[in-house]
Every structure is written in structure tokens, then in C-alpha cells.
Amino acid sequence: MCAPRHDCRSAAAGPRHDELGTFATLISRFAHLPPAYEQALRALGEGQMVDLVHELEDRCEVERLASMDVAEGLGYLWPRLQELTKILPP
């Protein structure tokens, strides 16, 4: 129960390991990945995510995604997100 006149905030656990969490992680990677950061991600088992980021950037799909609303972008990437969710480390 919250004390009077104080913000009540729900407890948050994260990061999410479902398709929505994978989507959020993926879009956060669309900036330039410095080589050391990319190497660290690969060492942590996120090589498939890094590869997808490069694939989307190389095919100019990032611009297409940026023009979509979130639900449309999520739907567009859903099959790839499902694949990543199965193989990324928890």
C-alpha cells in the first residue's frame, strides 16, 4: 500500500525475454555499434541479433521500420523476433 501523497510504482522486472523484449533490444541496436561493443555482444551470445541489425541496415529496412507505427513494425518483424527469442540467451 502506498503512503499518502507518494507515488505508487509497480515493481518492474526485466529485461523481457519474449518477442516484445527482443523487439525493444533490436531497435536499441540501430545506432552505430562500435567494434568493441559488437564484439562483446557476440561474446555474450547475441551474434544473431547483431547480424539481424546489420541485415536490416544493409537492406535499408531501418528507414522503412521508422516510418511504421510500433504495432506495424512489431508485426513486420514478428517472425524474426520469434526466431531470435528462441536462440538468444536468457
PDB file of N, CA and C in Angstrom:
ATOM      1  N   MET A   1       0.851  -1.174   0.000  1.00  0.00           N
ATOM      2  CA  MET A   1       0.000   0.000   0.000  1.00  0.00           C
ATOM      3  C   MET A   1       0.888   1.226   0.000  1.00  0.00           C
ATOM      4  N   CYS A   2       0.478   2.257  -0.695  1.00  0.00           N
ATOM      5  CA  CYS A   2       1.274   3.468  -0.798  1.00  0.00           C
ATOM      6  C   CYS A   2       0.954   4.418   0.344  1.00  0.00           C
ATOM      7  N   ALA A   3       1.980   5.075   0.779  1.00  0.00           N
ATOM      8  CA  ALA A   3       1.782   6.116   1.791  1.00  0.00           C
ATOM      9  C   ALA A   3       1.053   7.287   1.143  1.00  0.00           C
ATOM     10  N   PRO A   4       0.292   8.031   1.904  1.00  0.00           N
ATOM     11  CA  PRO A   4      -0.404   9.178   1.330  1.00  0.00           C
ATOM     12  C   PRO A   4       0.575  10.143   0.685  1.00  0.00           C
ATOM     13  N   ARG A   5       0.159  10.705  -0.441  1.00  0.00           N
ATOM     14  CA  ARG A   5       0.911  11.723  -1.174  1.00  0.00           C
ATOM     15  C   ARG A   5       2.247  11.233  -1.721  1.00  0.00           C
ATOM     16  N   HIS A   6       2.389   9.944  -1.926  1.00  0.00           N
ATOM     17  CA  HIS A   6       3.594   9.393  -2.529  1.00  0.00           C
ATOM     18  C   HIS A   6       3.209   8.632  -3.784  1.00  0.00           C
ATOM     19  N   ASP A   7       4.112   8.647  -4.721  1.00  0.00           N
ATOM     20  CA  ASP A   7       3.883   7.886  -5.946  1.00  0.00           C
ATOM     21  C   ASP A   7       3.851   6.399  -5.660  1.00  0.00           C
ATOM     22  N   CYS A   8       2.907   5.731  -6.260  1.00  0.00           N
ATOM     23  CA  CYS A   8       2.879   4.274  -6.216  1.00  0.00           C
ATOM     24  C   CYS A   8       3.445   3.785  -7.541  1.00  0.00           C
ATOM     25  N   ARG A   9       4.437   2.985  -7.481  1.00  0.00           N
ATOM     26  CA  ARG A   9       5.033   2.451  -8.703  1.00  0.00           C
ATOM     27  C   ARG A   9       5.022   0.940  -8.621  1.00  0.00           C
ATOM     28  N   SER A  10       4.686   0.347  -9.733  1.00  0.00           N
ATOM     29  CA  SER A  10       4.678  -1.112  -9.748  1.00  0.00           C
ATOM     30  C   SER A  10       6.103  -1.623  -9.872  1.00  0.00           C
ATOM     31  N   ALA A  11       6.325  -2.767  -9.310  1.00  0.00           N
ATOM     32  CA  ALA A  11       7.638  -3.384  -9.412  1.00  0.00           C
ATOM     33  C   ALA A  11       7.866  -3.799 -10.856  1.00  0.00           C
ATOM     34  N   ALA A  12       9.061  -3.604 -11.315  1.00  0.00           N
ATOM     35  CA  ALA A  12       9.399  -3.969 -12.685  1.00  0.00           C
ATOM     36  C   ALA A  12      10.522  -4.983 -12.673  1.00  0.00           C
ATOM     37  N   ALA A  13      10.362  -5.989 -13.456  1.00  0.00           N
ATOM     38  CA  ALA A  13      11.418  -6.972 -13.645  1.00  0.00           C
ATOM     39  C   ALA A  13      11.826  -6.909 -15.106  1.00  0.00           C
ATOM     40  N   GLY A  14      13.039  -7.112 -15.375  1.00  0.00           N
ATOM     41  CA  GLY A  14      13.439  -7.026 -16.766  1.00  0.00           C
ATOM     42  C   GLY A  14      14.855  -7.507 -16.932  1.00  0.00           C
ATOM     43  N   PRO A  15      15.357  -7.580 -18.090  1.00  0.00           N
ATOM     44  CA  PRO A  15      14.635  -7.292 -19.326  1.00  0.00           C
ATOM     45  C   PRO A  15      13.682  -8.427 -19.697  1.00  0.00           C
ATOM     46  N   ARG A  16      12.746  -8.102 -20.555  1.00  0.00           N
ATOM     47  CA  ARG A  16      11.805  -9.118 -21.025  1.00  0.00           C
ATOM     48  C   ARG A  16      12.526 -10.050 -21.990  1.00  0.00           C
ATOM     49  N   HIS A  17      12.187 -11.320 -21.956  1.00  0.00           N
ATOM     50  CA  HIS A  17      12.812 -12.293 -22.836  1.00  0.00           C
ATOM     51  C   HIS A  17      11.827 -12.861 -23.851  1.00  0.00           C
ATOM     52  N   ASP A  18      10.757 -12.108 -24.107  1.00  0.00           N
ATOM     53  CA  ASP A  18       9.791 -12.527 -25.113  1.00  0.00           C
ATOM     54  C   ASP A  18      10.006 -11.698 -26.379  1.00  0.00           C
ATOM     55  N   GLU A  19       9.114 -11.828 -27.343  1.00  0.00           N
ATOM     56  CA  GLU A  19       9.251 -11.116 -28.602  1.00  0.00           C
ATOM     57  C   GLU A  19       9.245  -9.593 -28.412  1.00  0.00           C
ATOM     58  N   LEU A  20       8.452  -9.099 -27.473  1.00  0.00           N
ATOM     59  CA  LEU A  20       8.409  -7.658 -27.243  1.00  0.00           C
ATOM     60  C   LEU A  20       9.740  -7.156 -26.691  1.00  0.00           C
ATOM     61  N   GLY A  21      10.316  -7.891 -25.764  1.00  0.00           N
ATOM     62  CA  GLY A  21      11.622  -7.519 -25.236  1.00  0.00           C
ATOM     63  C   GLY A  21      12.704  -7.609 -26.299  1.00  0.00           C
ATOM     64  N   THR A  22      12.612  -8.616 -27.159  1.00  0.00           N
ATOM     65  CA  THR A  22      13.570  -8.762 -28.253  1.00  0.00           C
ATOM     66  C   THR A  22      13.429  -7.611 -29.234  1.00  0.00           C
ATOM     67  N   PHE A  23      12.197  -7.186 -29.512  1.00  0.00           N
ATOM     68  CA  PHE A  23      11.941  -6.038 -30.379  1.00  0.00           C
ATOM     69  C   PHE A  23      12.585  -4.779 -29.797  1.00  0.00           C
ATOM     70  N   ALA A  24      12.391  -4.555 -28.517  1.00  0.00           N
ATOM     71  CA  ALA A  24      12.968  -3.370 -27.866  1.00  0.00           C
ATOM     72  C   ALA A  24      14.495  -3.409 -27.924  1.00  0.00           C
ATOM     73  N   THR A  25      15.067  -4.564 -27.690  1.00  0.00           N
ATOM     74  CA  THR A  25      16.516  -4.693 -27.757  1.00  0.00           C
ATOM     75  C   THR A  25      17.010  -4.451 -29.173  1.00  0.00           C
ATOM     76  N   LEU A  26      16.312  -5.028 -30.146  1.00  0.00           N
ATOM     77  CA  LEU A  26      16.703  -4.878 -31.545  1.00  0.00           C
ATOM     78  C   LEU A  26      16.715  -3.410 -31.956  1.00  0.00           C
ATOM     79  N   ILE A  27      15.642  -2.685 -31.672  1.00  0.00           N
ATOM     80  CA  ILE A  27      15.609  -1.298 -32.116  1.00  0.00           C
ATOM     81  C   ILE A  27      16.620  -0.431 -31.375  1.00  0.00           C
ATOM     82  N   SER A  28      17.008  -0.844 -30.177  1.00  0.00           N
ATOM     83  CA  SER A  28      18.033  -0.076 -29.467  1.00  0.00           C
ATOM     84  C   SER A  28      19.411  -0.271 -30.086  1.00  0.00           C
ATOM     85  N   ARG A  29      19.570  -1.282 -30.920  1.00  0.00           N
ATOM     86  CA  ARG A  29      20.856  -1.570 -31.559  1.00  0.00           C
ATOM     87  C   ARG A  29      21.016  -0.867 -32.906  1.00  0.00           C
ATOM     88  N   PHE A  30      20.038  -0.102 -33.356  1.00  0.00           N
ATOM     89  CA  PHE A  30      20.104   0.506 -34.680  1.00  0.00           C
ATOM     90  C   PHE A  30      21.036   1.703 -34.786  1.00  0.00           C
ATOM     91  N   ALA A  31      21.703   2.063 -33.761  1.00  0.00           N
ATOM     92  CA  ALA A  31      22.735   3.085 -33.864  1.00  0.00           C
ATOM     93  C   ALA A  31      24.031   2.373 -34.244  1.00  0.00           C
ATOM     94  N   HIS A  32      25.014   3.122 -34.598  1.00  0.00           N
ATOM     95  CA  HIS A  32      26.312   2.530 -34.925  1.00  0.00           C
ATOM     96  C   HIS A  32      26.823   1.722 -33.736  1.00  0.00           C
ATOM     97  N   LEU A  33      27.163   0.479 -33.989  1.00  0.00           N
ATOM     98  CA  LEU A  33      27.717  -0.376 -32.939  1.00  0.00           C
ATOM     99  C   LEU A  33      29.242  -0.312 -33.021  1.00  0.00           C
ATOM    100  N   PRO A  34      29.897   0.311 -32.045  1.00  0.00           N
ATOM    101  CA  PRO A  34      31.366   0.307 -32.058  1.00  0.00           C
ATOM    102  C   PRO A  34      31.880  -1.134 -32.057  1.00  0.00           C
ATOM    103  N   PRO A  35      33.001  -1.391 -32.715  1.00  0.00           N
ATOM    104  CA  PRO A  35      33.504  -2.767 -32.823  1.00  0.00           C
ATOM    105  C   PRO A  35      33.644  -3.487 -31.481  1.00  0.00           C
ATOM    106  N   ALA A  36      34.128  -2.807 -30.464  1.00  0.00           N
ATOM    107  CA  ALA A  36      34.292  -3.468 -29.159  1.00  0.00           C
ATOM    108  C   ALA A  36      32.937  -3.845 -28.559  1.00  0.00           C
ATOM    109  N   TYR A  37      31.930  -2.985 -28.746  1.00  0.00           N
ATOM    110  CA  TYR A  37      30.583  -3.261 -28.233  1.00  0.00           C
ATOM    111  C   TYR A  37      29.971  -4.443 -28.987  1.00  0.00           C
ATOM    112  N   GLU A  38      30.129  -4.429 -30.314  1.00  0.00           N
ATOM    113  CA  GLU A  38      29.612  -5.535 -31.118  1.00  0.00           C
ATOM    114  C   GLU A  38      30.304  -6.839 -30.734  1.00  0.00           C
ATOM    115  N   GLN A  39      31.606  -6.799 -30.538  1.00  0.00           N
ATOM    116  CA  GLN A  39      32.361  -7.989 -30.135  1.00  0.00           C
ATOM    117  C   GLN A  39      31.860  -8.514 -28.787  1.00  0.00           C
ATOM    118  N   ALA A  40      31.593  -7.603 -27.859  1.00  0.00           N
ATOM    119  CA  ALA A  40      31.086  -8.007 -26.546  1.00  0.00           C
ATOM    120  C   ALA A  40      29.707  -8.648 -26.664  1.00  0.00           C
ATOM    121  N   LEU A  41      28.837  -8.073 -27.505  1.00  0.00           N
ATOM    122  CA  LEU A  41      27.506  -8.657 -27.708  1.00  0.00           C
ATOM    123  C   LEU A  41      27.618 -10.068 -28.279  1.00  0.00           C
ATOM    124  N   ARG A  42      28.520 -10.239 -29.221  1.00  0.00           N
ATOM    125  CA  ARG A  42      28.713 -11.575 -29.812  1.00  0.00           C
ATOM    126  C   ARG A  42      29.230 -12.561 -28.758  1.00  0.00           C
ATOM    127  N   ALA A  43      30.151 -12.105 -27.919  1.00  0.00           N
ATOM    128  CA  ALA A  43      30.693 -12.964 -26.862  1.00  0.00           C
ATOM    129  C   ALA A  43      29.616 -13.361 -25.857  1.00  0.00           C
ATOM    130  N   LEU A  44      28.605 -12.497 -25.701  1.00  0.00           N
ATOM    131  CA  LEU A  44      27.511 -12.786 -24.773  1.00  0.00           C
ATOM    132  C   LEU A  44      26.401 -13.618 -25.411  1.00  0.00           C
ATOM    133  N   GLY A  45      26.605 -14.035 -26.667  1.00  0.00           N
ATOM    134  CA  GLY A  45      25.623 -14.886 -27.335  1.00  0.00           C
ATOM    135  C   GLY A  45      24.597 -14.144 -28.157  1.00  0.00           C
ATOM    136  N   GLU A  46      24.822 -12.847 -28.425  1.00  0.00           N
ATOM    137  CA  GLU A  46      23.861 -12.058 -29.190  1.00  0.00           C
ATOM    138  C   GLU A  46      24.290 -11.827 -30.632  1.00  0.00           C
ATOM    139  N   GLY A  47      25.107 -12.726 -31.158  1.00  0.00           N
ATOM    140  CA  GLY A  47      25.570 -12.588 -32.534  1.00  0.00           C
ATOM    141  C   GLY A  47      24.441 -12.560 -33.551  1.00  0.00           C
ATOM    142  N   GLN A  48      23.420 -13.383 -33.347  1.00  0.00           N
ATOM    143  CA  GLN A  48      22.275 -13.414 -34.279  1.00  0.00           C
ATOM    144  C   GLN A  48      21.546 -12.072 -34.293  1.00  0.00           C
ATOM    145  N   MET A  49      21.462 -11.424 -33.122  1.00  0.00           N
ATOM    146  CA  MET A  49      20.821 -10.109 -33.041  1.00  0.00           C
ATOM    147  C   MET A  49      21.648  -9.085 -33.819  1.00  0.00           C
ATOM    148  N   VAL A  50      22.958  -9.110 -33.618  1.00  0.00           N
ATOM    149  CA  VAL A  50      23.849  -8.185 -34.327  1.00  0.00           C
ATOM    150  C   VAL A  50      23.750  -8.417 -35.832  1.00  0.00           C
ATOM    151  N   ASP A  51      23.717  -9.676 -36.247  1.00  0.00           N
ATOM    152  CA  ASP A  51      23.594  -9.995 -37.671  1.00  0.00           C
ATOM    153  C   ASP A  51      22.294  -9.440 -38.248  1.00  0.00           C
ATOM    154  N   LEU A  52      21.196  -9.558 -37.507  1.00  0.00           N
ATOM    155  CA  LEU A  52      19.918  -9.031 -37.983  1.00  0.00           C
ATOM    156  C   LEU A  52      19.965  -7.513 -38.081  1.00  0.00           C
ATOM    157  N   VAL A  53      20.582  -6.858 -37.129  1.00  0.00           N
ATOM    158  CA  VAL A  53      20.726  -5.397 -37.197  1.00  0.00           C
ATOM    159  C   VAL A  53      21.447  -5.015 -38.485  1.00  0.00           C
ATOM    160  N   HIS A  54      22.569  -5.671 -38.766  1.00  0.00           N
ATOM    161  CA  HIS A  54      23.326  -5.362 -39.986  1.00  0.00           C
ATOM    162  C   HIS A  54      22.518  -5.667 -41.244  1.00  0.00           C
ATOM    163  N   GLU A  55      21.786  -6.773 -41.223  1.00  0.00           N
ATOM    164  CA  GLU A  55      20.955  -7.133 -42.378  1.00  0.00           C
ATOM    165  C   GLU A  55      19.896  -6.061 -42.639  1.00  0.00           C
ATOM    166  N   LEU A  56      19.217  -5.634 -41.590  1.00  0.00           N
ATOM    167  CA  LEU A  56      18.179  -4.613 -41.748  1.00  0.00           C
ATOM    168  C   LEU A  56      18.774  -3.283 -42.202  1.00  0.00           C
ATOM    169  N   GLU A  57      19.942  -2.936 -41.675  1.00  0.00           N
ATOM    170  CA  GLU A  57      20.598  -1.696 -42.092  1.00  0.00           C
ATOM    171  C   GLU A  57      21.060  -1.791 -43.544  1.00  0.00           C
ATOM    172  N   ASP A  58      21.666  -2.902 -43.932  1.00  0.00           N
ATOM    173  CA  ASP A  58      22.171  -3.078 -45.291  1.00  0.00           C
ATOM    174  C   ASP A  58      21.058  -3.046 -46.331  1.00  0.00           C
ATOM    175  N   ARG A  59      19.893  -3.532 -45.958  1.00  0.00           N
ATOM    176  CA  ARG A  59      18.746  -3.559 -46.889  1.00  0.00           C
ATOM    177  C   ARG A  59      17.878  -2.306 -46.789  1.00  0.00           C
ATOM    178  N   CYS A  60      18.341  -1.312 -46.044  1.00  0.00           N
ATOM    179  CA  CYS A  60      17.618  -0.046 -45.843  1.00  0.00           C
ATOM    180  C   CYS A  60      16.230  -0.267 -45.232  1.00  0.00           C
ATOM    181  N   GLU A  61      16.065  -1.332 -44.480  1.00  0.00           N
ATOM    182  CA  GLU A  61      14.786  -1.613 -43.836  1.00  0.00           C
ATOM    183  C   GLU A  61      14.594  -0.790 -42.568  1.00  0.00           C
ATOM    184  N   VAL A  62      15.667  -0.240 -42.025  1.00  0.00           N
ATOM    185  CA  VAL A  62      15.544   0.578 -40.822  1.00  0.00           C
ATOM    186  C   VAL A  62      14.688   1.812 -41.122  1.00  0.00           C
ATOM    187  N   GLU A  63      14.914   2.426 -42.274  1.00  0.00           N
ATOM    188  CA  GLU A  63      14.118   3.590 -42.670  1.00  0.00           C
ATOM    189  C   GLU A  63      12.650   3.203 -42.852  1.00  0.00           C
ATOM    190  N   ARG A  64      12.433   2.042 -43.434  1.00  0.00           N
ATOM    191  CA  ARG A  64      11.058   1.560 -43.608  1.00  0.00           C
ATOM    192  C   ARG A  64      10.399   1.336 -42.246  1.00  0.00           C
ATOM    193  N   LEU A  65      11.132   0.707 -41.326  1.00  0.00           N
ATOM    194  CA  LEU A  65      10.600   0.479 -39.983  1.00  0.00           C
ATOM    195  C   LEU A  65      10.303   1.800 -39.277  1.00  0.00           C
ATOM    196  N   ALA A  66      11.167   2.775 -39.462  1.00  0.00           N
ATOM    197  CA  ALA A  66      10.985   4.069 -38.799  1.00  0.00           C
ATOM    198  C   ALA A  66       9.718   4.777 -39.271  1.00  0.00           C
ATOM    199  N   SER A  67       9.263   4.464 -40.468  1.00  0.00           N
ATOM    200  CA  SER A  67       8.049   5.089 -40.985  1.00  0.00           C
ATOM    201  C   SER A  67       6.774   4.390 -40.512  1.00  0.00           C
ATOM    202  N   MET A  68       6.928   3.245 -39.868  1.00  0.00           N
ATOM    203  CA  MET A  68       5.776   2.475 -39.381  1.00  0.00           C
ATOM    204  C   MET A  68       5.447   2.860 -37.945  1.00  0.00           C
ATOM    205  N   ASP A  69       4.199   2.638 -37.553  1.00  0.00           N
ATOM    206  CA  ASP A  69       3.906   2.765 -36.122  1.00  0.00           C
ATOM    207  C   ASP A  69       4.425   1.497 -35.438  1.00  0.00           C
ATOM    208  N   VAL A  70       4.464   1.522 -34.129  1.00  0.00           N
ATOM    209  CA  VAL A  70       5.083   0.430 -33.369  1.00  0.00           C
ATOM    210  C   VAL A  70       4.412  -0.911 -33.652  1.00  0.00           C
ATOM    211  N   ALA A  71       3.090  -0.941 -33.668  1.00  0.00           N
ATOM    212  CA  ALA A  71       2.379  -2.208 -33.896  1.00  0.00           C
ATOM    213  C   ALA A  71       2.694  -2.769 -35.281  1.00  0.00           C
ATOM    214  N   GLU A  72       2.765  -1.899 -36.271  1.00  0.00           N
ATOM    215  CA  GLU A  72       3.077  -2.346 -37.624  1.00  0.00           C
ATOM    216  C   GLU A  72       4.522  -2.867 -37.708  1.00  0.00           C
ATOM    217  N   GLY A  73       5.451  -2.149 -37.092  1.00  0.00           N
ATOM    218  CA  GLY A  73       6.845  -2.589 -37.072  1.00  0.00           C
ATOM    219  C   GLY A  73       7.018  -3.904 -36.346  1.00  0.00           C
ATOM    220  N   LEU A  74       6.314  -4.041 -35.246  1.00  0.00           N
ATOM    221  CA  LEU A  74       6.360  -5.288 -34.478  1.00  0.00           C
ATOM    222  C   LEU A  74       5.828  -6.442 -35.323  1.00  0.00           C
ATOM    223  N   GLY A  75       4.731  -6.207 -36.018  1.00  0.00           N
ATOM    224  CA  GLY A  75       4.163  -7.233 -36.891  1.00  0.00           C
ATOM    225  C   GLY A  75       5.078  -7.590 -38.049  1.00  0.00           C
ATOM    226  N   TYR A  76       5.704  -6.578 -38.616  1.00  0.00           N
ATOM    227  CA  TYR A  76       6.621  -6.782 -39.733  1.00  0.00           C
ATOM    228  C   TYR A  76       7.804  -7.668 -39.318  1.00  0.00           C
ATOM    229  N   LEU A  77       8.319  -7.461 -38.111  1.00  0.00           N
ATOM    230  CA  LEU A  77       9.482  -8.199 -37.630  1.00  0.00           C
ATOM    231  C   LEU A  77       9.132  -9.466 -36.846  1.00  0.00           C
ATOM    232  N   TRP A  78       7.849  -9.709 -36.596  1.00  0.00           N
ATOM    233  CA  TRP A  78       7.431 -10.782 -35.700  1.00  0.00           C
ATOM    234  C   TRP A  78       8.089 -12.137 -35.995  1.00  0.00           C
ATOM    235  N   PRO A  79       8.095 -12.614 -37.244  1.00  0.00           N
ATOM    236  CA  PRO A  79       8.717 -13.928 -37.489  1.00  0.00           C
ATOM    237  C   PRO A  79      10.196 -13.951 -37.087  1.00  0.00           C
ATOM    238  N   ARG A  80      10.918 -12.889 -37.361  1.00  0.00           N
ATOM    239  CA  ARG A  80      12.335 -12.821 -36.995  1.00  0.00           C
ATOM    240  C   ARG A  80      12.494 -12.731 -35.479  1.00  0.00           C
ATOM    241  N   LEU A  81      11.590 -12.001 -34.843  1.00  0.00           N
ATOM    242  CA  LEU A  81      11.645 -11.882 -33.384  1.00  0.00           C
ATOM    243  C   LEU A  81      11.405 -13.232 -32.716  1.00  0.00           C
ATOM    244  N   GLN A  82      10.476 -13.995 -33.263  1.00  0.00           N
ATOM    245  CA  GLN A  82      10.209 -15.327 -32.714  1.00  0.00           C
ATOM    246  C   GLN A  82      11.455 -16.206 -32.812  1.00  0.00           C
ATOM    247  N   GLU A  83      12.143 -16.149 -33.945  1.00  0.00           N
ATOM    248  CA  GLU A  83      13.362 -16.929 -34.124  1.00  0.00           C
ATOM    249  C   GLU A  83      14.429 -16.493 -33.099  1.00  0.00           C
ATOM    250  N   LEU A  84      14.628 -15.184 -32.972  1.00  0.00           N
ATOM    251  CA  LEU A  84      15.636 -14.672 -32.027  1.00  0.00           C
ATOM    252  C   LEU A  84      15.300 -15.042 -30.595  1.00  0.00           C
ATOM    253  N   THR A  85      14.032 -14.950 -30.236  1.00  0.00           N
ATOM    254  CA  THR A  85      13.615 -15.244 -28.874  1.00  0.00           C
ATOM    255  C   THR A  85      13.974 -16.674 -28.479  1.00  0.00           C
ATOM    256  N   LYS A  86      13.907 -17.577 -29.442  1.00  0.00           N
ATOM    257  CA  LYS A  86      14.239 -18.987 -29.176  1.00  0.00           C
ATOM    258  C   LYS A  86      15.723 -19.220 -28.951  1.00  0.00           C
ATOM    259  N   ILE A  87      16.580 -18.383 -29.578  1.00  0.00           N
ATOM    260  CA  ILE A  87      18.015 -18.688 -29.545  1.00  0.00           C
ATOM    261  C   ILE A  87      18.840 -17.741 -28.680  1.00  0.00           C
ATOM    262  N   LEU A  88      18.312 -16.580 -28.338  1.00  0.00           N
ATOM    263  CA  LEU A  88      19.083 -15.638 -27.522  1.00  0.00           C
ATOM    264  C   LEU A  88      19.193 -16.142 -26.089  1.00  0.00           C
ATOM    265  N   PRO A  89      20.318 -15.827 -25.449  1.00  0.00           N
ATOM    266  CA  PRO A  89      20.454 -16.246 -24.044  1.00  0.00           C
ATOM    267  C   PRO A  89      19.448 -15.513 -23.158  1.00  0.00           C
ATOM    268  N   PRO A  90      18.990 -16.166 -22.083  1.00  0.00           N
ATOM    269  CA  PRO A  90      18.010 -15.521 -21.194  1.00  0.00           C
ATOM    270  C   PRO A  90      18.625 -14.384 -20.379  1.00  0.00           C
TER     271      PRO A  90
END
